[in-house]
Amino acid sequence: MTEKMTPQAVYALRLGDDALILAQRLGEWCGRAPALEIDLSLANFALDLLGQATYFLELAGEFEGKGRNGDTLAFRRDALDFTNCLIVEQENGDFARTIVRQFLFSTYQELLYAELARSHEARFAQISAKALKEVTYHARLAGDWVVRLGDGTDESRSRTIGALDWMWRFVDELFEMDVLEQQLASDGIGVNRAALRTPWDGRVARVLKDATLELPTERRGIFGGRRGHHSAHLGHLLSEMQFLQRTYPGVTW
């Protein structure tokens, strides 16, 4: 599907899909988190991300120019048409795995939005400037929890190490640059994601040091989400998220 979209539309779609899928995952924690405070925090993270997804998917529809809006793109596409990175679609697992995923991804988002807020495309810049305040808080809170879990009990430390080992294979994809994104970055519209890797590594390393944790060992990264090659987890997530619109197309409140 993305082959028929303009480069700006594809870029907005990728940004929107990342936020949308992680929002859905975080929503699964509602009423299940280990404490009321973190339950509310994860719910608010989900709402922030859902707002970002709405803005970016609406923008993708505008750039595409075929009458599709944010709701259509969210609820009427199949899994193969989604362009989110693989880390956001992974199952929540235990609390440590969710927190580690959030820390890794929000740290990346903070760096990304800080750069995208200077985009030559005013609408990318405006959305990113607003979202930057949100994801900065997400990264800080998630990082605080990584420290608390890593430097906590033997059980919390073991689970956090396991979470890092599980999520680390999906990190490289965050910084992948294809021809489309290279051109948008060259034009001052998109961000050179690859250039974010060094500052991201530095921020992650500092938090893990405070948590008395080691960086995971290097391993072969897993790619494909940007091209529609997803895990089975995404299909299960979409079957729940899209159920109402698939069953009653066009229904509104």
C-alpha atoms as a PDB file:
ATOM      1  CA  MET A   1       0.000   0.000   0.000  1.00  0.00           C
ATOM      2  CA  THR A   2       2.747   2.464   0.906  1.00  0.00           C
ATOM      3  CA  GLU A   3       4.253   2.202  -2.578  1.00  0.00           C
ATOM      4  CA  LYS A   4       1.292   4.276  -3.813  1.00  0.00           C
ATOM      5  CA  MET A   5       1.675   6.984  -1.153  1.00  0.00           C
ATOM      6  CA  THR A   6       3.793  10.135  -1.259  1.00  0.00           C
ATOM      7  CA  PRO A   7       7.046  10.080   0.745  1.00  0.00           C
ATOM      8  CA  GLN A   8       5.604  12.515   3.311  1.00  0.00           C
ATOM      9  CA  ALA A   9       2.518  10.336   3.698  1.00  0.00           C
ATOM     10  CA  VAL A  10       4.629   7.222   4.299  1.00  0.00           C
ATOM     11  CA  TYR A  11       6.752   9.075   6.839  1.00  0.00           C
ATOM     12  CA  ALA A  12       3.710  10.357   8.729  1.00  0.00           C
ATOM     13  CA  LEU A  13       2.226   6.856   8.608  1.00  0.00           C
ATOM     14  CA  ARG A  14       5.324   5.334  10.195  1.00  0.00           C
ATOM     15  CA  LEU A  15       5.314   7.880  12.993  1.00  0.00           C
ATOM     16  CA  GLY A  16       1.606   7.394  13.564  1.00  0.00           C
ATOM     17  CA  ASP A  17       1.757   3.602  13.508  1.00  0.00           C
ATOM     18  CA  ASP A  18       4.560   3.532  16.092  1.00  0.00           C
ATOM     19  CA  ALA A  19       2.535   5.646  18.480  1.00  0.00           C
ATOM     20  CA  LEU A  20      -0.778   3.892  17.799  1.00  0.00           C
ATOM     21  CA  ILE A  21       0.441   0.355  18.374  1.00  0.00           C
ATOM     22  CA  LEU A  22       2.329   1.201  21.557  1.00  0.00           C
ATOM     23  CA  ALA A  23      -0.728   3.073  22.848  1.00  0.00           C
ATOM     24  CA  GLN A  24      -2.809  -0.057  22.329  1.00  0.00           C
ATOM     25  CA  ARG A  25      -0.248  -2.189  24.134  1.00  0.00           C
ATOM     26  CA  LEU A  26      -0.077   0.157  27.111  1.00  0.00           C
ATOM     27  CA  GLY A  27      -3.863   0.275  27.298  1.00  0.00           C
ATOM     28  CA  GLU A  28      -3.783  -3.444  28.090  1.00  0.00           C
ATOM     29  CA  TRP A  29      -2.278  -2.579  31.475  1.00  0.00           C
ATOM     30  CA  CYS A  30      -5.284  -0.548  32.581  1.00  0.00           C
ATOM     31  CA  GLY A  31      -6.412  -1.932  35.937  1.00  0.00           C
ATOM     32  CA  ARG A  32      -3.580  -4.495  36.025  1.00  0.00           C
ATOM     33  CA  ALA A  33      -0.452  -2.559  36.978  1.00  0.00           C
ATOM     34  CA  PRO A  34       1.270  -3.336  40.297  1.00  0.00           C
ATOM     35  CA  ALA A  35       0.284  -0.013  41.894  1.00  0.00           C
ATOM     36  CA  LEU A  36      -2.347   2.657  41.289  1.00  0.00           C
ATOM     37  CA  GLU A  37       0.288   5.301  40.567  1.00  0.00           C
ATOM     38  CA  ILE A  38       1.921   3.329  37.757  1.00  0.00           C
ATOM     39  CA  ASP A  39      -1.485   2.175  36.475  1.00  0.00           C
ATOM     40  CA  LEU A  40      -2.435   5.824  35.960  1.00  0.00           C
ATOM     41  CA  SER A  41       0.976   6.628  34.481  1.00  0.00           C
ATOM     42  CA  LEU A  42       0.770   3.891  31.848  1.00  0.00           C
ATOM     43  CA  ALA A  43      -2.792   4.899  30.986  1.00  0.00           C
ATOM     44  CA  ASN A  44      -1.675   8.497  30.513  1.00  0.00           C
ATOM     45  CA  PHE A  45       1.259   7.355  28.377  1.00  0.00           C
ATOM     46  CA  ALA A  46      -1.236   5.494  26.198  1.00  0.00           C
ATOM     47  CA  LEU A  47      -3.428   8.580  25.850  1.00  0.00           C
ATOM     48  CA  ASP A  48      -0.435  10.759  24.943  1.00  0.00           C
ATOM     49  CA  LEU A  49       0.635   8.283  22.276  1.00  0.00           C
ATOM     50  CA  LEU A  50      -2.897   7.963  20.956  1.00  0.00           C
ATOM     51  CA  GLY A  51      -3.001  11.736  20.519  1.00  0.00           C
ATOM     52  CA  GLN A  52       0.288  11.642  18.612  1.00  0.00           C
ATOM     53  CA  ALA A  53      -1.011   8.813  16.456  1.00  0.00           C
ATOM     54  CA  THR A  54      -4.172  10.758  15.649  1.00  0.00           C
ATOM     55  CA  TYR A  55      -2.228  13.794  14.473  1.00  0.00           C
ATOM     56  CA  PHE A  56       0.240  11.831  12.369  1.00  0.00           C
ATOM     57  CA  LEU A  57      -2.332   9.497  10.811  1.00  0.00           C
ATOM     58  CA  GLU A  58      -4.622  12.413   9.936  1.00  0.00           C
ATOM     59  CA  LEU A  59      -1.617  14.081   8.333  1.00  0.00           C
ATOM     60  CA  ALA A  60      -0.777  10.896   6.421  1.00  0.00           C
ATOM     61  CA  GLY A  61      -4.314  10.896   5.032  1.00  0.00           C
ATOM     62  CA  GLU A  62      -3.980  14.525   3.956  1.00  0.00           C
ATOM     63  CA  PHE A  63      -0.666  13.877   2.223  1.00  0.00           C
ATOM     64  CA  GLU A  64      -2.119  10.806   0.510  1.00  0.00           C
ATOM     65  CA  GLY A  65      -5.079  12.806  -0.808  1.00  0.00           C
ATOM     66  CA  LYS A  66      -7.449   9.859  -1.274  1.00  0.00           C
ATOM     67  CA  GLY A  67     -10.039  10.677   1.352  1.00  0.00           C
ATOM     68  CA  ARG A  68      -8.767   8.440   4.109  1.00  0.00           C
ATOM     69  CA  ASN A  69      -8.591   9.937   7.590  1.00  0.00           C
ATOM     70  CA  GLY A  70      -6.909   8.850  10.790  1.00  0.00           C
ATOM     71  CA  ASP A  71      -9.710   6.511  11.799  1.00  0.00           C
ATOM     72  CA  THR A  72      -9.703   4.773   8.418  1.00  0.00           C
ATOM     73  CA  LEU A  73      -5.946   4.266   8.562  1.00  0.00           C
ATOM     74  CA  ALA A  74      -6.106   2.956  12.121  1.00  0.00           C
ATOM     75  CA  PHE A  75      -9.069   0.622  11.827  1.00  0.00           C
ATOM     76  CA  ARG A  76      -9.376  -0.428   8.175  1.00  0.00           C
ATOM     77  CA  ARG A  77      -5.870  -1.575   7.287  1.00  0.00           C
ATOM     78  CA  ASP A  78      -4.565  -5.134   7.487  1.00  0.00           C
ATOM     79  CA  ALA A  79      -1.448  -6.080   9.438  1.00  0.00           C
ATOM     80  CA  LEU A  80       0.716  -6.158   6.304  1.00  0.00           C
ATOM     81  CA  ASP A  81      -0.121  -2.488   5.688  1.00  0.00           C
ATOM     82  CA  PHE A  82       1.142  -1.314   9.068  1.00  0.00           C
ATOM     83  CA  THR A  83       4.593   0.293   9.154  1.00  0.00           C
ATOM     84  CA  ASN A  84       5.374   0.370  12.882  1.00  0.00           C
ATOM     85  CA  CYS A  85       8.701  -0.806  14.223  1.00  0.00           C
ATOM     86  CA  LEU A  86       8.668  -4.264  15.757  1.00  0.00           C
ATOM     87  CA  ILE A  87       9.506  -3.295  19.336  1.00  0.00           C
ATOM     88  CA  VAL A  88       6.160  -1.571  19.937  1.00  0.00           C
ATOM     89  CA  GLU A  89       4.061  -4.573  18.920  1.00  0.00           C
ATOM     90  CA  GLN A  90       5.748  -7.031  21.262  1.00  0.00           C
ATOM     91  CA  GLU A  91       3.556  -8.447  23.993  1.00  0.00           C
ATOM     92  CA  ASN A  92       3.703  -6.642  27.332  1.00  0.00           C
ATOM     93  CA  GLY A  93       5.055  -9.618  29.240  1.00  0.00           C
ATOM     94  CA  ASP A  94       5.689  -8.790  32.877  1.00  0.00           C
ATOM     95  CA  PHE A  95       6.011  -5.288  34.318  1.00  0.00           C
ATOM     96  CA  ALA A  96       9.795  -5.201  33.834  1.00  0.00           C
ATOM     97  CA  ARG A  97       9.492  -6.018  30.128  1.00  0.00           C
ATOM     98  CA  THR A  98       6.904  -3.278  29.601  1.00  0.00           C
ATOM     99  CA  ILE A  99       9.038  -0.720  31.436  1.00  0.00           C
ATOM    100  CA  VAL A 100      12.205  -1.643  29.553  1.00  0.00           C
ATOM    101  CA  ARG A 101      10.387  -1.413  26.210  1.00  0.00           C
ATOM    102  CA  GLN A 102       9.016   1.977  27.211  1.00  0.00           C
ATOM    103  CA  PHE A 103      12.407   3.255  28.310  1.00  0.00           C
ATOM    104  CA  LEU A 104      14.169   2.157  25.123  1.00  0.00           C
ATOM    105  CA  PHE A 105      11.459   3.475  22.816  1.00  0.00           C
ATOM    106  CA  SER A 106      10.692   6.731  24.650  1.00  0.00           C
ATOM    107  CA  THR A 107      14.386   7.618  24.778  1.00  0.00           C
ATOM    108  CA  TYR A 108      14.444   7.161  21.010  1.00  0.00           C
ATOM    109  CA  GLN A 109      11.224   9.168  20.568  1.00  0.00           C
ATOM    110  CA  GLU A 110      12.572  12.039  22.632  1.00  0.00           C
ATOM    111  CA  LEU A 111      15.629  12.346  20.408  1.00  0.00           C
ATOM    112  CA  LEU A 112      13.538  11.916  17.253  1.00  0.00           C
ATOM    113  CA  TYR A 113      10.952  14.571  18.106  1.00  0.00           C
ATOM    114  CA  ALA A 114      13.609  17.041  19.206  1.00  0.00           C
ATOM    115  CA  GLU A 115      15.059  16.874  15.691  1.00  0.00           C
ATOM    116  CA  LEU A 116      11.721  16.656  13.880  1.00  0.00           C
ATOM    117  CA  ALA A 117      10.542  19.807  15.670  1.00  0.00           C
ATOM    118  CA  ARG A 118      12.955  21.624  13.323  1.00  0.00           C
ATOM    119  CA  SER A 119      11.529  20.028  10.165  1.00  0.00           C
ATOM    120  CA  HIS A 120      10.993  22.179   7.074  1.00  0.00           C
ATOM    121  CA  GLU A 121       7.513  20.647   6.922  1.00  0.00           C
ATOM    122  CA  ALA A 122       5.667  22.855   9.400  1.00  0.00           C
ATOM    123  CA  ARG A 123       3.089  20.250  10.376  1.00  0.00           C
ATOM    124  CA  PHE A 124       5.724  17.667  11.290  1.00  0.00           C
ATOM    125  CA  ALA A 125       7.469  20.331  13.344  1.00  0.00           C
ATOM    126  CA  GLN A 126       4.302  21.428  15.148  1.00  0.00           C
ATOM    127  CA  ILE A 127       3.184  17.920  16.107  1.00  0.00           C
ATOM    128  CA  SER A 128       6.675  16.969  17.240  1.00  0.00           C
ATOM    129  CA  ALA A 129       7.184  20.081  19.348  1.00  0.00           C
ATOM    130  CA  LYS A 130       3.990  19.309  21.267  1.00  0.00           C
ATOM    131  CA  ALA A 131       4.726  15.594  21.568  1.00  0.00           C
ATOM    132  CA  LEU A 132       8.302  16.213  22.728  1.00  0.00           C
ATOM    133  CA  LYS A 133       7.090  17.407  26.135  1.00  0.00           C
ATOM    134  CA  GLU A 134       5.103  14.203  26.555  1.00  0.00           C
ATOM    135  CA  VAL A 135       7.770  11.707  25.528  1.00  0.00           C
ATOM    136  CA  THR A 136      10.437  13.480  27.571  1.00  0.00           C
ATOM    137  CA  TYR A 137       8.352  12.673  30.639  1.00  0.00           C
ATOM    138  CA  HIS A 138       7.753   9.112  29.411  1.00  0.00           C
ATOM    139  CA  ALA A 139      11.494   8.535  29.037  1.00  0.00           C
ATOM    140  CA  ARG A 140      12.302  10.006  32.439  1.00  0.00           C
ATOM    141  CA  LEU A 141       9.670   8.035  34.341  1.00  0.00           C
ATOM    142  CA  ALA A 142      10.483   4.780  32.557  1.00  0.00           C
ATOM    143  CA  GLY A 143      14.186   5.353  33.193  1.00  0.00           C
ATOM    144  CA  ASP A 144      13.515   5.910  36.901  1.00  0.00           C
ATOM    145  CA  TRP A 145      11.678   2.590  37.023  1.00  0.00           C
ATOM    146  CA  VAL A 146      14.521   0.794  35.233  1.00  0.00           C
ATOM    147  CA  VAL A 147      16.856   2.039  37.964  1.00  0.00           C
ATOM    148  CA  ARG A 148      14.400   1.034  40.689  1.00  0.00           C
ATOM    149  CA  LEU A 149      13.944  -2.447  39.259  1.00  0.00           C
ATOM    150  CA  GLY A 150      17.557  -3.064  38.294  1.00  0.00           C
ATOM    151  CA  ASP A 151      18.940  -1.932  41.643  1.00  0.00           C
ATOM    152  CA  GLY A 152      16.087  -3.476  43.631  1.00  0.00           C
ATOM    153  CA  THR A 153      15.459  -7.037  44.709  1.00  0.00           C
ATOM    154  CA  ASP A 154      17.074 -10.111  43.190  1.00  0.00           C
ATOM    155  CA  GLU A 155      13.729 -10.883  41.517  1.00  0.00           C
ATOM    156  CA  SER A 156      13.241  -7.417  40.003  1.00  0.00           C
ATOM    157  CA  ARG A 157      16.857  -7.333  38.836  1.00  0.00           C
ATOM    158  CA  SER A 158      16.602 -10.736  37.184  1.00  0.00           C
ATOM    159  CA  ARG A 159      13.393  -9.767  35.398  1.00  0.00           C
ATOM    160  CA  THR A 160      14.878  -6.489  34.175  1.00  0.00           C
ATOM    161  CA  ILE A 161      17.948  -8.245  32.772  1.00  0.00           C
ATOM    162  CA  GLY A 162      15.644 -10.691  31.011  1.00  0.00           C
ATOM    163  CA  ALA A 163      13.572  -7.810  29.620  1.00  0.00           C
ATOM    164  CA  LEU A 164      16.666  -6.085  28.226  1.00  0.00           C
ATOM    165  CA  ASP A 165      17.810  -9.309  26.607  1.00  0.00           C
ATOM    166  CA  TRP A 166      14.376  -9.778  25.027  1.00  0.00           C
ATOM    167  CA  MET A 167      13.936  -6.231  23.706  1.00  0.00           C
ATOM    168  CA  TRP A 168      17.482  -5.543  22.566  1.00  0.00           C
ATOM    169  CA  ARG A 169      17.113  -7.451  19.305  1.00  0.00           C
ATOM    170  CA  PHE A 170      14.556  -4.857  18.125  1.00  0.00           C
ATOM    171  CA  VAL A 171      16.667  -1.779  18.878  1.00  0.00           C
ATOM    172  CA  ASP A 172      18.617  -1.568  15.608  1.00  0.00           C
ATOM    173  CA  GLU A 173      15.414  -1.159  13.609  1.00  0.00           C
ATOM    174  CA  LEU A 174      14.691   2.131  15.368  1.00  0.00           C
ATOM    175  CA  PHE A 175      17.671   3.682  13.600  1.00  0.00           C
ATOM    176  CA  GLU A 176      17.215   2.065  10.180  1.00  0.00           C
ATOM    177  CA  MET A 177      17.231   4.456   7.217  1.00  0.00           C
ATOM    178  CA  ASP A 178      15.823   3.435   3.827  1.00  0.00           C
ATOM    179  CA  VAL A 179      16.042   5.445   0.605  1.00  0.00           C
ATOM    180  CA  LEU A 180      12.784   7.274   1.323  1.00  0.00           C
ATOM    181  CA  GLU A 181      13.921   8.490   4.737  1.00  0.00           C
ATOM    182  CA  GLN A 182      17.390   9.352   3.476  1.00  0.00           C
ATOM    183  CA  GLN A 183      15.832  11.660   0.883  1.00  0.00           C
ATOM    184  CA  LEU A 184      13.444  13.280   3.378  1.00  0.00           C
ATOM    185  CA  ALA A 185      16.321  13.853   5.796  1.00  0.00           C
ATOM    186  CA  SER A 186      18.414  15.360   2.989  1.00  0.00           C
ATOM    187  CA  ASP A 187      15.517  17.703   2.154  1.00  0.00           C
ATOM    188  CA  GLY A 188      15.251  18.824   5.780  1.00  0.00           C
ATOM    189  CA  ILE A 189      11.814  17.254   6.183  1.00  0.00           C
ATOM    190  CA  GLY A 190      12.645  14.040   8.019  1.00  0.00           C
ATOM    191  CA  VAL A 191      15.256  13.041  10.567  1.00  0.00           C
ATOM    192  CA  ASN A 192      18.458  11.092  10.076  1.00  0.00           C
ATOM    193  CA  ARG A 193      17.530   8.316  12.486  1.00  0.00           C
ATOM    194  CA  ALA A 194      20.960   6.702  12.163  1.00  0.00           C
ATOM    195  CA  ALA A 195      22.548   9.825  13.660  1.00  0.00           C
ATOM    196  CA  LEU A 196      20.409   9.400  16.776  1.00  0.00           C
ATOM    197  CA  ARG A 197      22.083   6.102  17.697  1.00  0.00           C
ATOM    198  CA  THR A 198      25.141   7.585  19.420  1.00  0.00           C
ATOM    199  CA  PRO A 199      23.226   9.936  21.757  1.00  0.00           C
ATOM    200  CA  TRP A 200      20.677   7.171  22.382  1.00  0.00           C
ATOM    201  CA  ASP A 201      23.442   4.755  23.344  1.00  0.00           C
ATOM    202  CA  GLY A 202      24.837   7.342  25.730  1.00  0.00           C
ATOM    203  CA  ARG A 203      21.526   7.985  27.478  1.00  0.00           C
ATOM    204  CA  VAL A 204      20.709   4.301  27.797  1.00  0.00           C
ATOM    205  CA  ALA A 205      24.169   3.489  29.134  1.00  0.00           C
ATOM    206  CA  ARG A 206      23.907   6.167  31.836  1.00  0.00           C
ATOM    207  CA  VAL A 207      20.568   4.857  33.087  1.00  0.00           C
ATOM    208  CA  LEU A 208      21.746   1.247  33.064  1.00  0.00           C
ATOM    209  CA  LYS A 209      24.846   2.262  35.020  1.00  0.00           C
ATOM    210  CA  ASP A 210      22.607   3.844  37.673  1.00  0.00           C
ATOM    211  CA  ALA A 211      20.583   0.625  37.676  1.00  0.00           C
ATOM    212  CA  THR A 212      23.791  -1.394  38.151  1.00  0.00           C
ATOM    213  CA  LEU A 213      23.017  -3.251  34.937  1.00  0.00           C
ATOM    214  CA  GLU A 214      25.254  -4.168  32.021  1.00  0.00           C
ATOM    215  CA  LEU A 215      24.474  -3.322  28.427  1.00  0.00           C
ATOM    216  CA  PRO A 216      23.183  -6.411  26.614  1.00  0.00           C
ATOM    217  CA  THR A 217      25.662  -8.164  24.367  1.00  0.00           C
ATOM    218  CA  GLU A 218      25.598  -7.335  20.673  1.00  0.00           C
ATOM    219  CA  ARG A 219      23.307  -9.535  18.599  1.00  0.00           C
ATOM    220  CA  ARG A 220      21.818  -9.673  15.149  1.00  0.00           C
ATOM    221  CA  GLY A 221      18.964  -7.193  14.905  1.00  0.00           C
ATOM    222  CA  ILE A 222      15.497  -8.034  13.632  1.00  0.00           C
ATOM    223  CA  PHE A 223      14.033  -5.777  10.936  1.00  0.00           C
ATOM    224  CA  GLY A 224      10.961  -5.648   8.713  1.00  0.00           C
ATOM    225  CA  GLY A 225       8.257  -3.677  10.489  1.00  0.00           C
ATOM    226  CA  ARG A 226       8.657  -0.617   8.262  1.00  0.00           C
ATOM    227  CA  ARG A 227       8.046  -2.887   5.254  1.00  0.00           C
ATOM    228  CA  GLY A 228       5.010  -4.636   6.698  1.00  0.00           C
ATOM    229  CA  HIS A 229       6.817  -7.769   7.882  1.00  0.00           C
ATOM    230  CA  HIS A 230       5.437  -8.206  11.382  1.00  0.00           C
ATOM    231  CA  SER A 231       5.265 -10.774  14.146  1.00  0.00           C
ATOM    232  CA  ALA A 232       2.073 -12.678  14.903  1.00  0.00           C
ATOM    233  CA  HIS A 233       1.636 -10.378  17.902  1.00  0.00           C
ATOM    234  CA  LEU A 234       0.456  -7.527  15.675  1.00  0.00           C
ATOM    235  CA  GLY A 235      -2.341  -9.568  14.118  1.00  0.00           C
ATOM    236  CA  HIS A 236      -3.711 -10.479  17.532  1.00  0.00           C
ATOM    237  CA  LEU A 237      -3.475  -6.859  18.675  1.00  0.00           C
ATOM    238  CA  LEU A 238      -5.309  -5.568  15.596  1.00  0.00           C
ATOM    239  CA  SER A 239      -8.074  -8.168  15.886  1.00  0.00           C
ATOM    240  CA  GLU A 240      -8.999  -6.604  19.209  1.00  0.00           C
ATOM    241  CA  MET A 241      -8.322  -2.972  18.329  1.00  0.00           C
ATOM    242  CA  GLN A 242     -10.232  -3.076  15.031  1.00  0.00           C
ATOM    243  CA  PHE A 243     -13.095  -5.340  16.079  1.00  0.00           C
ATOM    244  CA  LEU A 244     -15.833  -2.711  16.268  1.00  0.00           C
ATOM    245  CA  GLN A 245     -15.063  -1.028  12.935  1.00  0.00           C
ATOM    246  CA  ARG A 246     -14.607  -4.370  11.198  1.00  0.00           C
ATOM    247  CA  THR A 247     -17.915  -5.658  12.552  1.00  0.00           C
ATOM    248  CA  TYR A 248     -19.871  -2.421  12.038  1.00  0.00           C
ATOM    249  CA  PRO A 249     -18.072  -0.428   9.314  1.00  0.00           C
ATOM    250  CA  GLY A 250     -18.433   3.307   9.701  1.00  0.00           C
ATOM    251  CA  VAL A 251     -20.146   3.144  13.069  1.00  0.00           C
ATOM    252  CA  THR A 252     -19.893   6.318  15.184  1.00  0.00           C
ATOM    253  CA  TRP A 253     -20.931   7.219  18.712  1.00  0.00           C
END
